Amino acid sequence: MLDIKSKLVLKILLKECPDGAYRIVESKDIISALPNKYRIDQNGLDNILIYLERQEFISIKYDDEGVYCLCVLPFGNEVLENEYKKREGKKPPPFWLFITINFLVTFLAGLLGAMIASILNLH
């Protein structure tokens, strides 16, 4: 299972290497593409890339002081595609259901308010 930082790095690598061919990518480009909330340093990026390679999401041909020659493997593409499919699979409830529940809650709140006013003789 990938954590959020690993997923973000994998998405960035997929944008850098879209066709599955090996590309040269600099670590500073990957780090700068990450959102500020999930910003990592060089060691953190090295650890994530090693993890992604061990899980066979990416293949690293060489690593030369912050310059990588790598590609995203088909399994890495598949993981990201499955994530997109899960997001697309979740549909919001139909609008009529929202209106019906809203009507019932409003009606019951009015009825309860009228009953409390009747009990307290507040007419």
N, C-alpha and C. Protein backbone atom coordinates (compact mmCIF):
# COMPACT_ATOMS: atom_id res chain seq x y z
N MET A 1 0.85 -1.18 0.00
CA MET A 1 0.00 0.00 0.00
C MET A 1 0.89 1.24 0.00
N LEU A 2 0.53 2.18 -0.83
CA LEU A 2 1.32 3.40 -0.95
C LEU A 2 0.79 4.47 0.00
N ASP A 3 1.71 5.20 0.62
CA ASP A 3 1.29 6.36 1.40
C ASP A 3 1.13 7.54 0.45
N ILE A 4 0.65 8.66 0.97
CA ILE A 4 0.32 9.80 0.13
C ILE A 4 1.55 10.38 -0.57
N LYS A 5 2.68 10.44 0.12
CA LYS A 5 3.89 10.99 -0.50
C LYS A 5 4.38 10.11 -1.64
N SER A 6 4.32 8.80 -1.44
CA SER A 6 4.75 7.88 -2.49
C SER A 6 3.83 7.97 -3.70
N LYS A 7 2.53 8.11 -3.46
CA LYS A 7 1.59 8.27 -4.58
C LYS A 7 1.87 9.55 -5.34
N LEU A 8 2.14 10.63 -4.61
CA LEU A 8 2.42 11.89 -5.27
C LEU A 8 3.69 11.81 -6.11
N VAL A 9 4.72 11.19 -5.57
CA VAL A 9 5.97 11.02 -6.33
C VAL A 9 5.72 10.16 -7.56
N LEU A 10 4.95 9.09 -7.42
CA LEU A 10 4.65 8.22 -8.55
C LEU A 10 3.86 8.98 -9.62
N LYS A 11 2.93 9.83 -9.22
CA LYS A 11 2.17 10.64 -10.18
C LYS A 11 3.09 11.61 -10.92
N ILE A 12 4.00 12.22 -10.19
CA ILE A 12 4.95 13.15 -10.82
C ILE A 12 5.83 12.39 -11.81
N LEU A 13 6.29 11.22 -11.43
CA LEU A 13 7.14 10.42 -12.33
C LEU A 13 6.36 9.99 -13.57
N LEU A 14 5.09 9.71 -13.41
CA LEU A 14 4.27 9.32 -14.54
C LEU A 14 4.10 10.48 -15.52
N LYS A 15 4.03 11.71 -14.98
CA LYS A 15 3.95 12.88 -15.86
C LYS A 15 5.29 13.11 -16.57
N GLU A 16 6.38 12.85 -15.87
CA GLU A 16 7.71 13.03 -16.47
C GLU A 16 8.03 11.94 -17.49
N CYS A 17 7.54 10.74 -17.24
CA CYS A 17 7.82 9.59 -18.11
C CYS A 17 6.50 8.98 -18.59
N PRO A 18 5.76 9.67 -19.45
CA PRO A 18 4.41 9.23 -19.77
C PRO A 18 4.32 7.96 -20.62
N ASP A 19 5.29 7.69 -21.45
CA ASP A 19 5.17 6.57 -22.38
C ASP A 19 5.89 5.31 -21.92
N GLY A 20 6.36 5.29 -20.70
CA GLY A 20 7.03 4.11 -20.17
C GLY A 20 8.48 3.99 -20.58
N ALA A 21 9.01 5.00 -21.27
CA ALA A 21 10.42 4.98 -21.67
C ALA A 21 11.27 5.60 -20.55
N TYR A 22 12.54 5.25 -20.55
CA TYR A 22 13.44 5.82 -19.56
C TYR A 22 13.67 7.29 -19.85
N ARG A 23 13.61 8.10 -18.82
CA ARG A 23 13.86 9.53 -18.92
C ARG A 23 14.81 9.95 -17.81
N ILE A 24 15.53 11.02 -18.05
CA ILE A 24 16.40 11.58 -17.02
C ILE A 24 15.61 12.63 -16.25
N VAL A 25 15.54 12.44 -14.95
CA VAL A 25 14.76 13.32 -14.07
C VAL A 25 15.66 13.75 -12.93
N GLU A 26 15.62 15.04 -12.63
CA GLU A 26 16.41 15.55 -11.51
C GLU A 26 15.56 15.56 -10.24
N SER A 27 16.22 15.29 -9.12
CA SER A 27 15.50 15.22 -7.86
C SER A 27 14.88 16.56 -7.49
N LYS A 28 15.55 17.67 -7.82
CA LYS A 28 15.01 18.99 -7.47
C LYS A 28 13.70 19.26 -8.22
N ASP A 29 13.57 18.71 -9.43
CA ASP A 29 12.32 18.87 -10.17
C ASP A 29 11.17 18.09 -9.51
N ILE A 30 11.48 16.90 -9.03
CA ILE A 30 10.46 16.10 -8.35
C ILE A 30 10.06 16.78 -7.05
N ILE A 31 11.03 17.22 -6.28
CA ILE A 31 10.75 17.85 -4.99
C ILE A 31 9.96 19.14 -5.18
N SER A 32 10.31 19.93 -6.18
CA SER A 32 9.59 21.19 -6.39
C SER A 32 8.18 20.97 -6.91
N ALA A 33 7.91 19.83 -7.53
CA ALA A 33 6.57 19.54 -8.04
C ALA A 33 5.63 19.07 -6.93
N LEU A 34 6.18 18.67 -5.79
CA LEU A 34 5.34 18.23 -4.67
C LEU A 34 4.65 19.43 -4.03
N PRO A 35 3.42 19.26 -3.53
CA PRO A 35 2.77 20.34 -2.79
C PRO A 35 3.57 20.68 -1.53
N ASN A 36 3.48 21.92 -1.09
CA ASN A 36 4.23 22.36 0.09
C ASN A 36 3.93 21.51 1.31
N LYS A 37 2.70 21.06 1.42
CA LYS A 37 2.29 20.26 2.58
C LYS A 37 3.06 18.93 2.65
N TYR A 38 3.44 18.41 1.51
CA TYR A 38 4.10 17.10 1.46
C TYR A 38 5.55 17.20 0.98
N ARG A 39 6.15 18.35 1.11
CA ARG A 39 7.52 18.58 0.65
C ARG A 39 8.48 17.68 1.43
N ILE A 40 9.44 17.09 0.73
CA ILE A 40 10.43 16.20 1.35
C ILE A 40 11.82 16.67 0.95
N ASP A 41 12.82 16.12 1.61
CA ASP A 41 14.20 16.46 1.26
C ASP A 41 14.77 15.36 0.36
N GLN A 42 16.06 15.49 0.03
CA GLN A 42 16.71 14.55 -0.88
C GLN A 42 16.71 13.13 -0.32
N ASN A 43 16.98 12.98 0.97
CA ASN A 43 17.00 11.64 1.57
C ASN A 43 15.62 11.01 1.55
N GLY A 44 14.60 11.80 1.83
CA GLY A 44 13.24 11.29 1.77
C GLY A 44 12.87 10.82 0.38
N LEU A 45 13.27 11.60 -0.62
CA LEU A 45 13.00 11.21 -2.01
C LEU A 45 13.74 9.93 -2.37
N ASP A 46 14.99 9.82 -1.95
CA ASP A 46 15.75 8.59 -2.20
C ASP A 46 15.04 7.38 -1.60
N ASN A 47 14.56 7.52 -0.38
CA ASN A 47 13.87 6.41 0.28
C ASN A 47 12.59 6.04 -0.47
N ILE A 48 11.83 7.04 -0.92
CA ILE A 48 10.60 6.76 -1.65
C ILE A 48 10.92 6.07 -2.98
N LEU A 49 11.93 6.54 -3.68
CA LEU A 49 12.28 5.93 -4.97
C LEU A 49 12.76 4.49 -4.78
N ILE A 50 13.52 4.24 -3.74
CA ILE A 50 13.96 2.87 -3.46
C ILE A 50 12.76 1.98 -3.17
N TYR A 51 11.81 2.50 -2.38
CA TYR A 51 10.60 1.74 -2.07
C TYR A 51 9.81 1.44 -3.35
N LEU A 52 9.63 2.47 -4.19
CA LEU A 52 8.86 2.27 -5.43
C LEU A 52 9.55 1.27 -6.35
N GLU A 53 10.88 1.27 -6.35
CA GLU A 53 11.60 0.31 -7.18
C GLU A 53 11.46 -1.11 -6.63
N ARG A 54 11.53 -1.25 -5.33
CA ARG A 54 11.40 -2.58 -4.72
C ARG A 54 10.00 -3.16 -4.92
N GLN A 55 9.00 -2.29 -4.96
CA GLN A 55 7.63 -2.74 -5.18
C GLN A 55 7.31 -2.90 -6.67
N GLU A 56 8.30 -2.65 -7.51
CA GLU A 56 8.21 -2.80 -8.96
C GLU A 56 7.20 -1.84 -9.59
N PHE A 57 7.12 -0.61 -9.03
CA PHE A 57 6.32 0.45 -9.63
C PHE A 57 7.16 1.22 -10.65
N ILE A 58 8.46 1.33 -10.37
CA ILE A 58 9.37 2.04 -11.26
C ILE A 58 10.63 1.20 -11.46
N SER A 59 11.40 1.57 -12.48
CA SER A 59 12.70 0.95 -12.71
C SER A 59 13.72 2.08 -12.79
N ILE A 60 14.78 1.99 -12.01
CA ILE A 60 15.84 3.01 -12.02
C ILE A 60 17.06 2.39 -12.70
N LYS A 61 17.45 3.01 -13.81
CA LYS A 61 18.62 2.53 -14.54
C LYS A 61 19.89 2.98 -13.84
N TYR A 62 19.92 4.27 -13.46
CA TYR A 62 21.05 4.76 -12.68
C TYR A 62 20.65 5.96 -11.86
N ASP A 63 21.44 6.20 -10.82
CA ASP A 63 21.24 7.32 -9.90
C ASP A 63 22.60 7.99 -9.74
N ASP A 64 22.68 9.26 -10.12
CA ASP A 64 23.95 9.96 -10.06
C ASP A 64 23.76 11.28 -9.33
N GLU A 65 23.88 11.26 -8.02
CA GLU A 65 23.80 12.46 -7.17
C GLU A 65 22.60 13.35 -7.50
N GLY A 66 21.42 12.81 -7.38
CA GLY A 66 20.22 13.59 -7.58
C GLY A 66 19.71 13.62 -9.01
N VAL A 67 20.35 12.90 -9.90
CA VAL A 67 19.89 12.78 -11.28
C VAL A 67 19.58 11.31 -11.51
N TYR A 68 18.36 11.03 -11.93
CA TYR A 68 17.92 9.65 -12.09
C TYR A 68 17.55 9.39 -13.53
N CYS A 69 17.84 8.19 -13.99
CA CYS A 69 17.33 7.70 -15.26
C CYS A 69 16.36 6.59 -14.88
N LEU A 70 15.08 6.86 -15.10
CA LEU A 70 14.07 5.91 -14.62
C LEU A 70 12.87 5.89 -15.55
N CYS A 71 12.02 4.89 -15.33
CA CYS A 71 10.75 4.80 -16.04
C CYS A 71 9.71 4.22 -15.09
N VAL A 72 8.47 4.50 -15.39
CA VAL A 72 7.36 3.94 -14.61
C VAL A 72 6.96 2.63 -15.29
N LEU A 73 6.94 1.57 -14.51
CA LEU A 73 6.59 0.25 -15.03
C LEU A 73 5.07 0.11 -15.16
N PRO A 74 4.61 -0.88 -15.91
CA PRO A 74 3.16 -1.06 -16.08
C PRO A 74 2.40 -1.23 -14.76
N PHE A 75 3.02 -1.87 -13.79
CA PHE A 75 2.35 -2.04 -12.49
C PHE A 75 2.13 -0.69 -11.82
N GLY A 76 3.06 0.23 -11.97
CA GLY A 76 2.89 1.58 -11.42
C GLY A 76 1.75 2.31 -12.09
N ASN A 77 1.64 2.16 -13.42
CA ASN A 77 0.51 2.75 -14.14
C ASN A 77 -0.81 2.16 -13.66
N GLU A 78 -0.82 0.85 -13.48
CA GLU A 78 -2.03 0.15 -13.07
C GLU A 78 -2.50 0.62 -11.69
N VAL A 79 -1.57 0.82 -10.78
CA VAL A 79 -1.93 1.26 -9.43
C VAL A 79 -2.62 2.62 -9.48
N LEU A 80 -2.07 3.55 -10.26
CA LEU A 80 -2.67 4.87 -10.37
C LEU A 80 -4.00 4.83 -11.10
N GLU A 81 -4.13 3.99 -12.12
CA GLU A 81 -5.40 3.87 -12.83
C GLU A 81 -6.48 3.30 -11.93
N ASN A 82 -6.12 2.32 -11.10
CA ASN A 82 -7.10 1.75 -10.16
C ASN A 82 -7.56 2.80 -9.16
N GLU A 83 -6.66 3.68 -8.75
CA GLU A 83 -7.04 4.74 -7.83
C GLU A 83 -8.04 5.69 -8.48
N TYR A 84 -7.81 6.03 -9.75
CA TYR A 84 -8.74 6.91 -10.47
C TYR A 84 -10.09 6.22 -10.65
N LYS A 85 -10.08 4.93 -10.93
CA LYS A 85 -11.34 4.20 -11.10
C LYS A 85 -12.13 4.15 -9.80
N LYS A 86 -11.45 4.00 -8.67
CA LYS A 86 -12.14 4.00 -7.38
C LYS A 86 -12.82 5.33 -7.14
N ARG A 87 -12.13 6.42 -7.48
CA ARG A 87 -12.72 7.74 -7.30
C ARG A 87 -13.93 7.93 -8.20
N GLU A 88 -13.83 7.46 -9.43
CA GLU A 88 -14.94 7.61 -10.36
C GLU A 88 -16.10 6.70 -9.99
N GLY A 89 -15.83 5.59 -9.34
CA GLY A 89 -16.87 4.64 -8.97
C GLY A 89 -17.79 5.16 -7.88
N LYS A 90 -17.32 6.05 -7.05
CA LYS A 90 -18.14 6.58 -5.97
C LYS A 90 -19.01 7.70 -6.52
N LYS A 91 -20.31 7.44 -6.56
CA LYS A 91 -21.24 8.44 -7.06
C LYS A 91 -21.98 9.06 -5.88
N PRO A 92 -22.27 10.33 -5.96
CA PRO A 92 -23.05 10.96 -4.90
C PRO A 92 -24.48 10.44 -4.94
N PRO A 93 -25.19 10.51 -3.81
CA PRO A 93 -26.58 10.05 -3.81
C PRO A 93 -27.41 10.93 -4.75
N PRO A 94 -28.49 10.38 -5.27
CA PRO A 94 -29.33 11.16 -6.17
C PRO A 94 -29.92 12.39 -5.49
N PHE A 95 -30.17 13.40 -6.30
CA PHE A 95 -30.66 14.67 -5.77
C PHE A 95 -32.04 14.52 -5.13
N TRP A 96 -32.89 13.65 -5.67
CA TRP A 96 -34.23 13.48 -5.10
C TRP A 96 -34.15 12.92 -3.69
N LEU A 97 -33.17 12.09 -3.41
CA LEU A 97 -33.00 11.54 -2.07
C LEU A 97 -32.63 12.65 -1.08
N PHE A 98 -31.78 13.55 -1.50
CA PHE A 98 -31.41 14.69 -0.67
C PHE A 98 -32.64 15.55 -0.36
N ILE A 99 -33.45 15.84 -1.36
CA ILE A 99 -34.65 16.66 -1.17
C ILE A 99 -35.64 15.96 -0.24
N THR A 100 -35.84 14.66 -0.41
CA THR A 100 -36.77 13.91 0.43
C THR A 100 -36.33 13.91 1.89
N ILE A 101 -35.07 13.64 2.13
CA ILE A 101 -34.56 13.62 3.51
C ILE A 101 -34.65 15.01 4.11
N ASN A 102 -34.33 16.03 3.34
CA ASN A 102 -34.41 17.40 3.83
C ASN A 102 -35.85 17.76 4.19
N PHE A 103 -36.81 17.37 3.37
CA PHE A 103 -38.22 17.63 3.65
C PHE A 103 -38.67 16.93 4.93
N LEU A 104 -38.30 15.65 5.09
CA LEU A 104 -38.72 14.89 6.27
C LEU A 104 -38.12 15.48 7.55
N VAL A 105 -36.87 15.85 7.52
CA VAL A 105 -36.23 16.43 8.71
C VAL A 105 -36.88 17.76 9.05
N THR A 106 -37.16 18.58 8.06
CA THR A 106 -37.80 19.87 8.31
C THR A 106 -39.21 19.68 8.85
N PHE A 107 -39.97 18.76 8.29
CA PHE A 107 -41.32 18.49 8.76
C PHE A 107 -41.32 18.00 10.21
N LEU A 108 -40.42 17.07 10.51
CA LEU A 108 -40.36 16.54 11.88
C LEU A 108 -39.90 17.61 12.88
N ALA A 109 -39.00 18.49 12.47
CA ALA A 109 -38.57 19.57 13.36
C ALA A 109 -39.72 20.53 13.63
N GLY A 110 -40.53 20.85 12.63
CA GLY A 110 -41.70 21.72 12.82
C GLY A 110 -42.73 21.07 13.72
N LEU A 111 -42.96 19.78 13.49
CA LEU A 111 -43.92 19.04 14.32
C LEU A 111 -43.46 18.99 15.77
N LEU A 112 -42.20 18.75 16.01
CA LEU A 112 -41.65 18.72 17.36
C LEU A 112 -41.76 20.09 18.01
N GLY A 113 -41.48 21.14 17.26
CA GLY A 113 -41.60 22.50 17.80
C GLY A 113 -43.03 22.83 18.18
N ALA A 114 -43.98 22.40 17.34
CA ALA A 114 -45.40 22.65 17.65
C ALA A 114 -45.83 21.87 18.89
N MET A 115 -45.33 20.64 19.03
CA MET A 115 -45.69 19.84 20.21
C MET A 115 -45.12 20.48 21.48
N ILE A 116 -43.90 20.95 21.43
CA ILE A 116 -43.30 21.60 22.61
C ILE A 116 -44.05 22.88 22.96
N ALA A 117 -44.41 23.65 21.97
CA ALA A 117 -45.18 24.88 22.22
C ALA A 117 -46.54 24.55 22.80
N SER A 118 -47.15 23.48 22.33
CA SER A 118 -48.47 23.06 22.86
C SER A 118 -48.35 22.62 24.32
N ILE A 119 -47.30 21.91 24.63
CA ILE A 119 -47.11 21.43 26.00
C ILE A 119 -46.87 22.60 26.93
N LEU A 120 -46.12 23.59 26.52
CA LEU A 120 -45.78 24.72 27.35
C LEU A 120 -46.83 25.84 27.28
N ASN A 121 -47.89 25.63 26.52
CA ASN A 121 -48.98 26.62 26.35
C ASN A 121 -48.44 27.96 25.90
N LEU A 122 -47.69 27.96 24.83
CA LEU A 122 -47.09 29.17 24.31
C LEU A 122 -47.82 29.71 23.08
N HIS A 123 -49.10 29.42 22.92
CA HIS A 123 -49.74 29.90 21.72
C HIS A 123 -49.99 31.33 21.79
